[in-house]
Amino acid sequence: MNIGSASKSLGALAQEHRLALFRLLVQSGDQGMAAGAIAEALGVPNSSLSFHLAQLRNAGLILQERQQRSLIYRANYPAMNALVGFLTENCCGGADCSGAELNEAEAA
């Protein structure tokens, strides 16, 4: 992943409803969710939901599939993992940053 695509992904997530939507789809797993179920779960009107879904799709963070008369949305896990990898690349200057050191420091 390059800085341009990372910036686009982070920009798409930098909004309360879109972040909640993305997290919901991550939790739903590979089965995904229908647009109506997403709207109901988040309490977002369909017109607003369509806009937010489009922003996340344009950033490559979610996938859309038509199943009969429904549109099913899923998190794009490879894109999510690429973004997390980009953000944590060269983390802590090569030191172990698993949290064990932080937990020991907090306990002391």
C-alpha atoms as a PDB file:
ATOM      1  CA  MET A   1       0.000   0.000   0.000  1.00  0.00           C
ATOM      2  CA  ASN A   2       1.239   3.501  -0.746  1.00  0.00           C
ATOM      3  CA  ILE A   3       0.616   6.729   1.110  1.00  0.00           C
ATOM      4  CA  GLY A   4      -2.016   7.857  -1.406  1.00  0.00           C
ATOM      5  CA  SER A   5      -4.223   4.800  -1.007  1.00  0.00           C
ATOM      6  CA  ALA A   6      -3.703   4.819   2.768  1.00  0.00           C
ATOM      7  CA  SER A   7      -4.784   8.449   2.873  1.00  0.00           C
ATOM      8  CA  LYS A   8      -7.882   7.664   0.805  1.00  0.00           C
ATOM      9  CA  SER A   9      -8.809   4.758   3.115  1.00  0.00           C
ATOM     10  CA  LEU A  10      -8.261   6.778   6.282  1.00  0.00           C
ATOM     11  CA  GLY A  11     -10.257   9.663   4.825  1.00  0.00           C
ATOM     12  CA  ALA A  12     -13.182   7.350   4.152  1.00  0.00           C
ATOM     13  CA  LEU A  13     -13.063   6.097   7.739  1.00  0.00           C
ATOM     14  CA  ALA A  14     -12.763   9.598   9.207  1.00  0.00           C
ATOM     15  CA  GLN A  15     -16.504   9.994   9.670  1.00  0.00           C
ATOM     16  CA  GLU A  16     -18.582   8.596  12.532  1.00  0.00           C
ATOM     17  CA  HIS A  17     -21.228   6.739  10.475  1.00  0.00           C
ATOM     18  CA  ARG A  18     -18.708   5.298   8.016  1.00  0.00           C
ATOM     19  CA  LEU A  19     -16.441   4.082  10.802  1.00  0.00           C
ATOM     20  CA  ALA A  20     -19.416   2.437  12.551  1.00  0.00           C
ATOM     21  CA  LEU A  21     -20.520   0.933   9.235  1.00  0.00           C
ATOM     22  CA  PHE A  22     -17.084  -0.472   8.488  1.00  0.00           C
ATOM     23  CA  ARG A  23     -16.769  -1.956  11.984  1.00  0.00           C
ATOM     24  CA  LEU A  24     -20.219  -3.541  11.624  1.00  0.00           C
ATOM     25  CA  LEU A  25     -19.207  -5.166   8.339  1.00  0.00           C
ATOM     26  CA  VAL A  26     -15.921  -6.388   9.826  1.00  0.00           C
ATOM     27  CA  GLN A  27     -17.912  -8.018  12.637  1.00  0.00           C
ATOM     28  CA  SER A  28     -20.414  -9.577  10.219  1.00  0.00           C
ATOM     29  CA  GLY A  29     -17.697 -11.710   8.634  1.00  0.00           C
ATOM     30  CA  ASP A  30     -17.712 -13.213   5.162  1.00  0.00           C
ATOM     31  CA  GLN A  31     -21.507 -13.453   5.034  1.00  0.00           C
ATOM     32  CA  GLY A  32     -21.774  -9.663   4.944  1.00  0.00           C
ATOM     33  CA  MET A  33     -24.998  -7.756   5.384  1.00  0.00           C
ATOM     34  CA  ALA A  34     -27.817  -6.507   3.210  1.00  0.00           C
ATOM     35  CA  ALA A  35     -28.161  -2.747   2.914  1.00  0.00           C
ATOM     36  CA  GLY A  36     -31.510  -2.790   4.737  1.00  0.00           C
ATOM     37  CA  ALA A  37     -30.046  -4.687   7.677  1.00  0.00           C
ATOM     38  CA  ILE A  38     -27.154  -2.225   7.857  1.00  0.00           C
ATOM     39  CA  ALA A  39     -29.524   0.750   7.861  1.00  0.00           C
ATOM     40  CA  GLU A  40     -31.584  -0.831  10.621  1.00  0.00           C
ATOM     41  CA  ALA A  41     -28.566  -1.763  12.737  1.00  0.00           C
ATOM     42  CA  LEU A  42     -27.050   1.716  12.503  1.00  0.00           C
ATOM     43  CA  GLY A  43     -30.268   3.741  12.501  1.00  0.00           C
ATOM     44  CA  VAL A  44     -29.157   5.576   9.364  1.00  0.00           C
ATOM     45  CA  PRO A  45     -31.635   6.620   6.627  1.00  0.00           C
ATOM     46  CA  ASN A  46     -31.245   4.736   3.323  1.00  0.00           C
ATOM     47  CA  SER A  47     -30.252   7.892   1.442  1.00  0.00           C
ATOM     48  CA  SER A  48     -27.413   8.607   3.876  1.00  0.00           C
ATOM     49  CA  LEU A  49     -26.398   4.958   3.959  1.00  0.00           C
ATOM     50  CA  SER A  50     -26.006   4.871   0.178  1.00  0.00           C
ATOM     51  CA  PHE A  51     -23.618   7.824   0.338  1.00  0.00           C
ATOM     52  CA  HIS A  52     -21.530   6.244   3.104  1.00  0.00           C
ATOM     53  CA  LEU A  53     -21.409   2.871   1.348  1.00  0.00           C
ATOM     54  CA  ALA A  54     -20.221   4.579  -1.839  1.00  0.00           C
ATOM     55  CA  GLN A  55     -17.428   6.374   0.035  1.00  0.00           C
ATOM     56  CA  LEU A  56     -16.184   3.114   1.561  1.00  0.00           C
ATOM     57  CA  ARG A  57     -16.463   1.284  -1.776  1.00  0.00           C
ATOM     58  CA  ASN A  58     -14.529   4.037  -3.568  1.00  0.00           C
ATOM     59  CA  ALA A  59     -11.771   3.685  -0.980  1.00  0.00           C
ATOM     60  CA  GLY A  60     -11.714  -0.079  -1.586  1.00  0.00           C
ATOM     61  CA  LEU A  61     -12.586  -0.928   2.012  1.00  0.00           C
ATOM     62  CA  ILE A  62     -15.843  -2.766   1.295  1.00  0.00           C
ATOM     63  CA  LEU A  63     -17.152  -5.042  -1.431  1.00  0.00           C
ATOM     64  CA  GLN A  64     -20.657  -5.175  -2.915  1.00  0.00           C
ATOM     65  CA  GLU A  65     -22.395  -8.218  -4.363  1.00  0.00           C
ATOM     66  CA  ARG A  66     -25.888  -8.584  -5.763  1.00  0.00           C
ATOM     67  CA  GLN A  67     -27.796 -11.614  -4.462  1.00  0.00           C
ATOM     68  CA  GLN A  68     -31.188 -11.825  -6.156  1.00  0.00           C
ATOM     69  CA  ARG A  69     -32.828  -8.518  -5.258  1.00  0.00           C
ATOM     70  CA  SER A  70     -30.488  -7.545  -2.425  1.00  0.00           C
ATOM     71  CA  LEU A  71     -27.125  -5.851  -2.344  1.00  0.00           C
ATOM     72  CA  ILE A  72     -24.798  -7.543   0.130  1.00  0.00           C
ATOM     73  CA  TYR A  73     -21.860  -5.624   1.552  1.00  0.00           C
ATOM     74  CA  ARG A  74     -18.720  -7.132   3.066  1.00  0.00           C
ATOM     75  CA  ALA A  75     -15.542  -5.762   4.538  1.00  0.00           C
ATOM     76  CA  ASN A  76     -12.596  -6.085   2.170  1.00  0.00           C
ATOM     77  CA  TYR A  77     -10.283  -7.855   4.629  1.00  0.00           C
ATOM     78  CA  PRO A  78      -7.179  -7.799   2.392  1.00  0.00           C
ATOM     79  CA  ALA A  79      -7.555  -4.008   2.024  1.00  0.00           C
ATOM     80  CA  MET A  80      -8.101  -3.622   5.775  1.00  0.00           C
ATOM     81  CA  ASN A  81      -5.033  -5.731   6.542  1.00  0.00           C
ATOM     82  CA  ALA A  82      -2.967  -3.764   4.022  1.00  0.00           C
ATOM     83  CA  LEU A  83      -3.968  -0.514   5.738  1.00  0.00           C
ATOM     84  CA  VAL A  84      -3.110  -1.856   9.193  1.00  0.00           C
ATOM     85  CA  GLY A  85       0.176  -3.192   7.817  1.00  0.00           C
ATOM     86  CA  PHE A  86       0.983   0.189   6.299  1.00  0.00           C
ATOM     87  CA  LEU A  87       0.244   1.951   9.592  1.00  0.00           C
ATOM     88  CA  THR A  88       2.365  -0.431  11.646  1.00  0.00           C
ATOM     89  CA  GLU A  89       5.215  -0.903   9.189  1.00  0.00           C
ATOM     90  CA  ASN A  90       8.514  -0.321  10.963  1.00  0.00           C
ATOM     91  CA  CYS A  91       6.609   0.063  14.222  1.00  0.00           C
ATOM     92  CA  CYS A  92       8.586   1.119  17.287  1.00  0.00           C
ATOM     93  CA  GLY A  93      11.835   1.373  15.348  1.00  0.00           C
ATOM     94  CA  GLY A  94      12.191  -2.403  15.250  1.00  0.00           C
ATOM     95  CA  ALA A  95      11.665  -2.871  18.997  1.00  0.00           C
ATOM     96  CA  ASP A  96       9.075  -5.280  20.363  1.00  0.00           C
ATOM     97  CA  CYS A  97       5.870  -3.299  20.617  1.00  0.00           C
ATOM     98  CA  SER A  98       3.541  -6.143  21.543  1.00  0.00           C
ATOM     99  CA  GLY A  99       2.471  -4.299  24.649  1.00  0.00           C
ATOM    100  CA  ALA A 100       4.312  -6.493  27.157  1.00  0.00           C
ATOM    101  CA  GLU A 101       6.772  -3.703  27.904  1.00  0.00           C
ATOM    102  CA  LEU A 102       3.966  -1.190  28.332  1.00  0.00           C
ATOM    103  CA  ASN A 103       2.039  -3.479  30.674  1.00  0.00           C
ATOM    104  CA  GLU A 104       5.149  -4.002  32.850  1.00  0.00           C
ATOM    105  CA  ALA A 105       5.778  -0.240  33.030  1.00  0.00           C
ATOM    106  CA  GLU A 106       2.155   0.430  34.033  1.00  0.00           C
ATOM    107  CA  ALA A 107       2.309  -2.234  36.759  1.00  0.00           C
ATOM    108  CA  ALA A 108       5.433  -0.720  38.339  1.00  0.00           C
END
